Amino acid sequence: MSPIVNRNTTFNEENDNATDDIDSKLEELQQQLLTQAKSNNDYEDVADEIYRLRELKQNALVENAEREGKRQRIAEMNAFLNEQSCELEEHDEQLVRRLIEKVTVHDNRIEVEFKSGISIEIEN
């Protein structure tokens, strides 16, 4: 059976470490906030930046979790496909239910979305 999914599929792992940069900047800003508060200086801009970075960090954590979930589903799909020992010669309902989330038929193409989150289009 030829694999449907590229076994070397990778995601942008650069973003997985985005929270490290945000944490460093947050630590720096928190020190700056303490210094300005002790000096009775206006620290509203620093506090606003801290809140903005915390929100960015939360968004990055959610995106990382989604990417990790996708990686896991792809790994499971690859493991399942690697277990298959023969070429498919006829429709296998169990295989379809296990791998395919949905199929959308358009006028000039068919779109297949796999449970891993990967989609392919087949032109008519």
N, C-alpha and C. Protein backbone atom coordinates (compact mmCIF):
# COMPACT_ATOMS: atom_id res chain seq x y z
N MET A 1 0.85 -1.17 0.00
CA MET A 1 0.00 0.00 0.00
C MET A 1 0.90 1.23 0.00
N SER A 2 0.64 2.16 -0.88
CA SER A 2 1.44 3.38 -0.85
C SER A 2 0.87 4.31 0.21
N PRO A 3 1.73 4.96 0.97
CA PRO A 3 1.24 5.80 2.06
C PRO A 3 0.52 7.02 1.53
N ILE A 4 -0.54 7.39 2.22
CA ILE A 4 -1.30 8.56 1.86
C ILE A 4 -0.64 9.79 2.47
N VAL A 5 -0.02 9.61 3.60
CA VAL A 5 0.58 10.71 4.34
C VAL A 5 2.09 10.64 4.18
N ASN A 6 2.70 11.76 3.93
CA ASN A 6 4.16 11.82 3.88
C ASN A 6 4.69 11.53 5.28
N ARG A 7 5.45 10.48 5.40
CA ARG A 7 5.93 10.07 6.71
C ARG A 7 6.91 11.05 7.31
N ASN A 8 7.41 11.95 6.52
CA ASN A 8 8.35 12.96 7.01
C ASN A 8 7.66 14.29 7.25
N THR A 9 6.33 14.26 7.40
CA THR A 9 5.60 15.49 7.63
C THR A 9 6.09 16.15 8.91
N THR A 10 6.43 17.42 8.80
CA THR A 10 6.86 18.16 9.99
C THR A 10 6.05 19.43 10.08
N PHE A 11 5.98 19.95 11.27
CA PHE A 11 5.30 21.20 11.52
C PHE A 11 6.34 22.22 11.92
N ASN A 12 5.97 23.45 11.92
CA ASN A 12 6.89 24.51 12.27
C ASN A 12 7.19 24.43 13.76
N GLU A 13 8.29 23.77 14.11
CA GLU A 13 8.64 23.58 15.50
C GLU A 13 9.24 24.84 16.11
N GLU A 14 9.54 25.82 15.26
CA GLU A 14 10.06 27.09 15.75
C GLU A 14 9.09 27.72 16.74
N ASN A 15 7.79 27.61 16.46
CA ASN A 15 6.79 28.21 17.33
C ASN A 15 6.64 27.46 18.64
N ASP A 16 7.08 26.20 18.71
CA ASP A 16 6.98 25.45 19.94
C ASP A 16 7.79 26.09 21.06
N ASN A 17 8.83 26.83 20.70
CA ASN A 17 9.69 27.44 21.70
C ASN A 17 9.40 28.93 21.89
N ALA A 18 8.32 29.42 21.32
CA ALA A 18 7.97 30.84 21.43
C ALA A 18 7.72 31.24 22.87
N THR A 19 7.21 30.32 23.68
CA THR A 19 6.92 30.68 25.07
C THR A 19 8.20 30.95 25.86
N ASP A 20 9.31 30.34 25.47
CA ASP A 20 10.58 30.60 26.17
C ASP A 20 10.98 32.07 26.01
N ASP A 21 10.85 32.59 24.79
CA ASP A 21 11.17 34.00 24.54
C ASP A 21 10.23 34.92 25.31
N ILE A 22 8.95 34.56 25.32
CA ILE A 22 7.97 35.37 26.03
C ILE A 22 8.26 35.36 27.53
N ASP A 23 8.60 34.18 28.08
CA ASP A 23 8.93 34.09 29.50
C ASP A 23 10.12 34.98 29.86
N SER A 24 11.12 34.99 29.01
CA SER A 24 12.30 35.84 29.25
C SER A 24 11.92 37.31 29.28
N LYS A 25 11.12 37.71 28.30
CA LYS A 25 10.69 39.11 28.22
C LYS A 25 9.79 39.47 29.40
N LEU A 26 8.92 38.54 29.82
CA LEU A 26 8.05 38.79 30.97
C LEU A 26 8.88 38.99 32.24
N GLU A 27 9.88 38.16 32.42
CA GLU A 27 10.73 38.28 33.60
C GLU A 27 11.43 39.64 33.62
N GLU A 28 11.93 40.04 32.47
CA GLU A 28 12.60 41.34 32.34
C GLU A 28 11.64 42.49 32.65
N LEU A 29 10.42 42.41 32.11
CA LEU A 29 9.43 43.46 32.33
C LEU A 29 8.96 43.50 33.79
N GLN A 30 8.86 42.35 34.42
CA GLN A 30 8.45 42.32 35.82
C GLN A 30 9.50 42.99 36.71
N GLN A 31 10.77 42.77 36.39
CA GLN A 31 11.83 43.46 37.12
C GLN A 31 11.74 44.96 36.89
N GLN A 32 11.49 45.35 35.65
CA GLN A 32 11.36 46.77 35.31
C GLN A 32 10.16 47.37 36.04
N LEU A 33 9.06 46.63 36.12
CA LEU A 33 7.86 47.08 36.81
C LEU A 33 8.15 47.33 38.29
N LEU A 34 8.85 46.39 38.92
CA LEU A 34 9.20 46.56 40.33
C LEU A 34 10.08 47.79 40.54
N THR A 35 11.04 47.97 39.67
CA THR A 35 11.95 49.13 39.78
C THR A 35 11.17 50.43 39.65
N GLN A 36 10.28 50.49 38.67
CA GLN A 36 9.52 51.73 38.45
C GLN A 36 8.52 51.97 39.58
N ALA A 37 7.91 50.91 40.11
CA ALA A 37 6.96 51.07 41.21
C ALA A 37 7.68 51.57 42.46
N LYS A 38 8.88 51.04 42.74
CA LYS A 38 9.65 51.47 43.91
C LYS A 38 10.07 52.93 43.78
N SER A 39 10.29 53.39 42.55
CA SER A 39 10.74 54.76 42.29
C SER A 39 9.54 55.71 42.13
N ASN A 40 8.33 55.19 42.34
CA ASN A 40 7.11 55.97 42.16
C ASN A 40 6.97 56.53 40.75
N ASN A 41 7.53 55.84 39.78
CA ASN A 41 7.40 56.23 38.38
C ASN A 41 6.13 55.61 37.79
N ASP A 42 5.68 56.15 36.67
CA ASP A 42 4.52 55.60 35.97
C ASP A 42 4.92 54.24 35.37
N TYR A 43 4.19 53.23 35.71
CA TYR A 43 4.51 51.88 35.23
C TYR A 43 3.37 51.27 34.44
N GLU A 44 2.42 52.09 34.02
CA GLU A 44 1.25 51.59 33.30
C GLU A 44 1.64 50.94 31.97
N ASP A 45 2.57 51.55 31.23
CA ASP A 45 3.00 50.97 29.95
C ASP A 45 3.64 49.60 30.14
N VAL A 46 4.44 49.46 31.19
CA VAL A 46 5.09 48.17 31.47
C VAL A 46 4.03 47.14 31.84
N ALA A 47 3.07 47.52 32.65
CA ALA A 47 2.01 46.60 33.05
C ALA A 47 1.18 46.17 31.84
N ASP A 48 0.89 47.12 30.94
CA ASP A 48 0.14 46.78 29.72
C ASP A 48 0.91 45.78 28.87
N GLU A 49 2.23 45.98 28.76
CA GLU A 49 3.05 45.06 27.98
C GLU A 49 3.08 43.68 28.62
N ILE A 50 3.10 43.63 29.94
CA ILE A 50 3.07 42.34 30.64
C ILE A 50 1.77 41.61 30.33
N TYR A 51 0.65 42.31 30.39
CA TYR A 51 -0.64 41.67 30.07
C TYR A 51 -0.68 41.19 28.63
N ARG A 52 -0.13 42.01 27.72
CA ARG A 52 -0.12 41.63 26.30
C ARG A 52 0.73 40.38 26.09
N LEU A 53 1.89 40.31 26.75
CA LEU A 53 2.76 39.15 26.62
C LEU A 53 2.14 37.90 27.24
N ARG A 54 1.44 38.07 28.33
CA ARG A 54 0.75 36.92 28.95
C ARG A 54 -0.30 36.34 27.99
N GLU A 55 -1.01 37.24 27.32
CA GLU A 55 -2.00 36.77 26.34
C GLU A 55 -1.31 36.06 25.17
N LEU A 56 -0.20 36.62 24.70
CA LEU A 56 0.56 35.97 23.62
C LEU A 56 1.04 34.59 24.06
N LYS A 57 1.50 34.50 25.30
CA LYS A 57 1.98 33.22 25.81
C LYS A 57 0.84 32.20 25.85
N GLN A 58 -0.32 32.62 26.31
CA GLN A 58 -1.47 31.72 26.36
C GLN A 58 -1.83 31.22 24.96
N ASN A 59 -1.83 32.14 24.00
CA ASN A 59 -2.13 31.75 22.61
C ASN A 59 -1.09 30.78 22.08
N ALA A 60 0.18 31.03 22.39
CA ALA A 60 1.25 30.14 21.93
C ALA A 60 1.10 28.75 22.55
N LEU A 61 0.71 28.69 23.82
CA LEU A 61 0.52 27.39 24.48
C LEU A 61 -0.62 26.61 23.82
N VAL A 62 -1.69 27.31 23.48
CA VAL A 62 -2.82 26.66 22.81
C VAL A 62 -2.39 26.14 21.44
N GLU A 63 -1.66 26.96 20.69
CA GLU A 63 -1.19 26.54 19.36
C GLU A 63 -0.25 25.35 19.47
N ASN A 64 0.63 25.36 20.48
CA ASN A 64 1.54 24.23 20.68
C ASN A 64 0.77 22.95 20.97
N ALA A 65 -0.27 23.05 21.80
CA ALA A 65 -1.08 21.87 22.13
C ALA A 65 -1.79 21.34 20.88
N GLU A 66 -2.29 22.25 20.06
CA GLU A 66 -2.96 21.84 18.82
C GLU A 66 -1.98 21.14 17.88
N ARG A 67 -0.78 21.69 17.75
CA ARG A 67 0.24 21.09 16.89
C ARG A 67 0.63 19.71 17.41
N GLU A 68 0.77 19.60 18.71
CA GLU A 68 1.16 18.31 19.29
C GLU A 68 0.05 17.28 19.06
N GLY A 69 -1.20 17.71 19.18
CA GLY A 69 -2.32 16.81 18.90
C GLY A 69 -2.31 16.33 17.46
N LYS A 70 -1.99 17.24 16.55
CA LYS A 70 -1.91 16.89 15.13
C LYS A 70 -0.77 15.91 14.89
N ARG A 71 0.37 16.17 15.51
CA ARG A 71 1.51 15.25 15.37
C ARG A 71 1.14 13.85 15.86
N GLN A 72 0.43 13.81 16.98
CA GLN A 72 0.03 12.52 17.54
C GLN A 72 -0.92 11.78 16.59
N ARG A 73 -1.89 12.49 16.03
CA ARG A 73 -2.84 11.84 15.10
C ARG A 73 -2.12 11.34 13.86
N ILE A 74 -1.17 12.10 13.36
CA ILE A 74 -0.40 11.66 12.19
C ILE A 74 0.44 10.45 12.53
N ALA A 75 1.06 10.44 13.71
CA ALA A 75 1.86 9.30 14.13
C ALA A 75 0.98 8.04 14.24
N GLU A 76 -0.22 8.21 14.79
CA GLU A 76 -1.15 7.07 14.90
C GLU A 76 -1.56 6.57 13.52
N MET A 77 -1.82 7.50 12.59
CA MET A 77 -2.20 7.10 11.24
C MET A 77 -1.05 6.36 10.56
N ASN A 78 0.16 6.88 10.71
CA ASN A 78 1.32 6.21 10.11
C ASN A 78 1.53 4.82 10.70
N ALA A 79 1.37 4.70 12.01
CA ALA A 79 1.53 3.39 12.65
C ALA A 79 0.49 2.41 12.10
N PHE A 80 -0.74 2.88 11.97
CA PHE A 80 -1.79 2.02 11.44
C PHE A 80 -1.49 1.61 10.00
N LEU A 81 -1.07 2.58 9.17
CA LEU A 81 -0.76 2.26 7.78
C LEU A 81 0.42 1.30 7.67
N ASN A 82 1.40 1.45 8.54
CA ASN A 82 2.55 0.56 8.52
C ASN A 82 2.19 -0.86 8.93
N GLU A 83 1.12 -1.02 9.69
CA GLU A 83 0.67 -2.35 10.10
C GLU A 83 -0.04 -3.10 8.97
N GLN A 84 -0.52 -2.36 7.97
CA GLN A 84 -1.25 -2.99 6.88
C GLN A 84 -0.28 -3.77 6.01
N SER A 85 -0.62 -5.02 5.77
CA SER A 85 0.33 -5.91 5.10
C SER A 85 0.06 -6.12 3.62
N CYS A 86 -1.05 -5.64 3.11
CA CYS A 86 -1.35 -5.95 1.71
C CYS A 86 -1.88 -4.74 0.97
N GLU A 87 -1.91 -4.86 -0.33
CA GLU A 87 -2.50 -3.83 -1.18
C GLU A 87 -4.02 -3.94 -1.09
N LEU A 88 -4.68 -2.80 -1.09
CA LEU A 88 -6.14 -2.82 -1.08
C LEU A 88 -6.63 -3.02 -2.50
N GLU A 89 -7.51 -3.99 -2.67
CA GLU A 89 -8.07 -4.26 -3.98
C GLU A 89 -9.56 -3.94 -4.04
N GLU A 90 -10.14 -3.70 -2.87
CA GLU A 90 -11.55 -3.34 -2.83
C GLU A 90 -11.79 -2.43 -1.64
N HIS A 91 -12.95 -1.81 -1.61
CA HIS A 91 -13.32 -0.88 -0.55
C HIS A 91 -13.26 -1.57 0.81
N ASP A 92 -12.61 -0.92 1.78
CA ASP A 92 -12.52 -1.45 3.15
C ASP A 92 -13.18 -0.44 4.08
N GLU A 93 -14.41 -0.71 4.48
CA GLU A 93 -15.19 0.21 5.29
C GLU A 93 -14.49 0.54 6.62
N GLN A 94 -13.90 -0.45 7.24
CA GLN A 94 -13.21 -0.23 8.51
C GLN A 94 -12.03 0.74 8.34
N LEU A 95 -11.29 0.57 7.27
CA LEU A 95 -10.16 1.46 6.99
C LEU A 95 -10.64 2.89 6.75
N VAL A 96 -11.70 3.02 5.97
CA VAL A 96 -12.25 4.35 5.68
C VAL A 96 -12.70 5.03 6.97
N ARG A 97 -13.42 4.32 7.80
CA ARG A 97 -13.91 4.90 9.05
C ARG A 97 -12.77 5.26 10.00
N ARG A 98 -11.71 4.52 9.93
CA ARG A 98 -10.57 4.77 10.83
C ARG A 98 -9.72 5.95 10.38
N LEU A 99 -9.63 6.19 9.07
CA LEU A 99 -8.71 7.20 8.55
C LEU A 99 -9.36 8.49 8.09
N ILE A 100 -10.58 8.43 7.59
CA ILE A 100 -11.17 9.60 6.92
C ILE A 100 -12.22 10.25 7.80
N GLU A 101 -12.06 11.57 7.95
CA GLU A 101 -13.02 12.37 8.71
C GLU A 101 -14.22 12.71 7.85
N LYS A 102 -13.95 13.26 6.64
CA LYS A 102 -15.05 13.58 5.73
C LYS A 102 -14.55 13.71 4.31
N VAL A 103 -15.50 13.57 3.38
CA VAL A 103 -15.23 13.74 1.96
C VAL A 103 -16.23 14.77 1.45
N THR A 104 -15.71 15.80 0.77
CA THR A 104 -16.57 16.84 0.21
C THR A 104 -16.43 16.80 -1.30
N VAL A 105 -17.58 16.68 -1.99
CA VAL A 105 -17.58 16.62 -3.44
C VAL A 105 -17.97 17.99 -3.98
N HIS A 106 -17.09 18.57 -4.78
CA HIS A 106 -17.33 19.85 -5.44
C HIS A 106 -17.56 19.56 -6.92
N ASP A 107 -17.89 20.59 -7.69
CA ASP A 107 -18.15 20.41 -9.12
C ASP A 107 -16.96 19.83 -9.87
N ASN A 108 -15.75 20.31 -9.56
CA ASN A 108 -14.58 19.89 -10.34
C ASN A 108 -13.49 19.22 -9.50
N ARG A 109 -13.79 18.91 -8.26
CA ARG A 109 -12.79 18.26 -7.41
C ARG A 109 -13.46 17.57 -6.22
N ILE A 110 -12.68 16.71 -5.59
CA ILE A 110 -13.11 16.03 -4.37
C ILE A 110 -12.08 16.36 -3.30
N GLU A 111 -12.55 16.71 -2.13
CA GLU A 111 -11.66 17.03 -1.02
C GLU A 111 -11.84 15.96 0.06
N VAL A 112 -10.72 15.36 0.45
CA VAL A 112 -10.74 14.31 1.48
C VAL A 112 -10.00 14.85 2.69
N GLU A 113 -10.68 14.88 3.85
CA GLU A 113 -10.06 15.32 5.09
C GLU A 113 -9.87 14.09 5.98
N PHE A 114 -8.61 13.84 6.32
CA PHE A 114 -8.28 12.70 7.17
C PHE A 114 -8.44 13.08 8.63
N LYS A 115 -8.58 12.09 9.48
CA LYS A 115 -8.73 12.34 10.91
C LYS A 115 -7.48 12.98 11.51
N SER A 116 -6.38 12.90 10.82
CA SER A 116 -5.15 13.54 11.29
C SER A 116 -5.20 15.05 11.10
N GLY A 117 -6.17 15.54 10.32
CA GLY A 117 -6.26 16.97 10.04
C GLY A 117 -5.72 17.33 8.67
N ILE A 118 -5.08 16.41 8.00
CA ILE A 118 -4.53 16.65 6.67
C ILE A 118 -5.65 16.52 5.64
N SER A 119 -5.65 17.42 4.67
CA SER A 119 -6.62 17.37 3.59
C SER A 119 -5.91 17.24 2.26
N ILE A 120 -6.53 16.53 1.35
CA ILE A 120 -6.00 16.45 -0.02
C ILE A 120 -7.17 16.74 -0.97
N GLU A 121 -6.83 17.25 -2.13
CA GLU A 121 -7.82 17.51 -3.16
C GLU A 121 -7.49 16.67 -4.38
N ILE A 122 -8.54 16.13 -4.98
CA ILE A 122 -8.40 15.32 -6.19
C ILE A 122 -9.21 16.01 -7.26
N GLU A 123 -8.51 16.46 -8.30
CA GLU A 123 -9.15 17.16 -9.41
C GLU A 123 -9.85 16.15 -10.31
N ASN A 124 -11.02 16.53 -10.83
CA ASN A 124 -11.72 15.66 -11.78
C ASN A 124 -11.09 15.75 -13.14
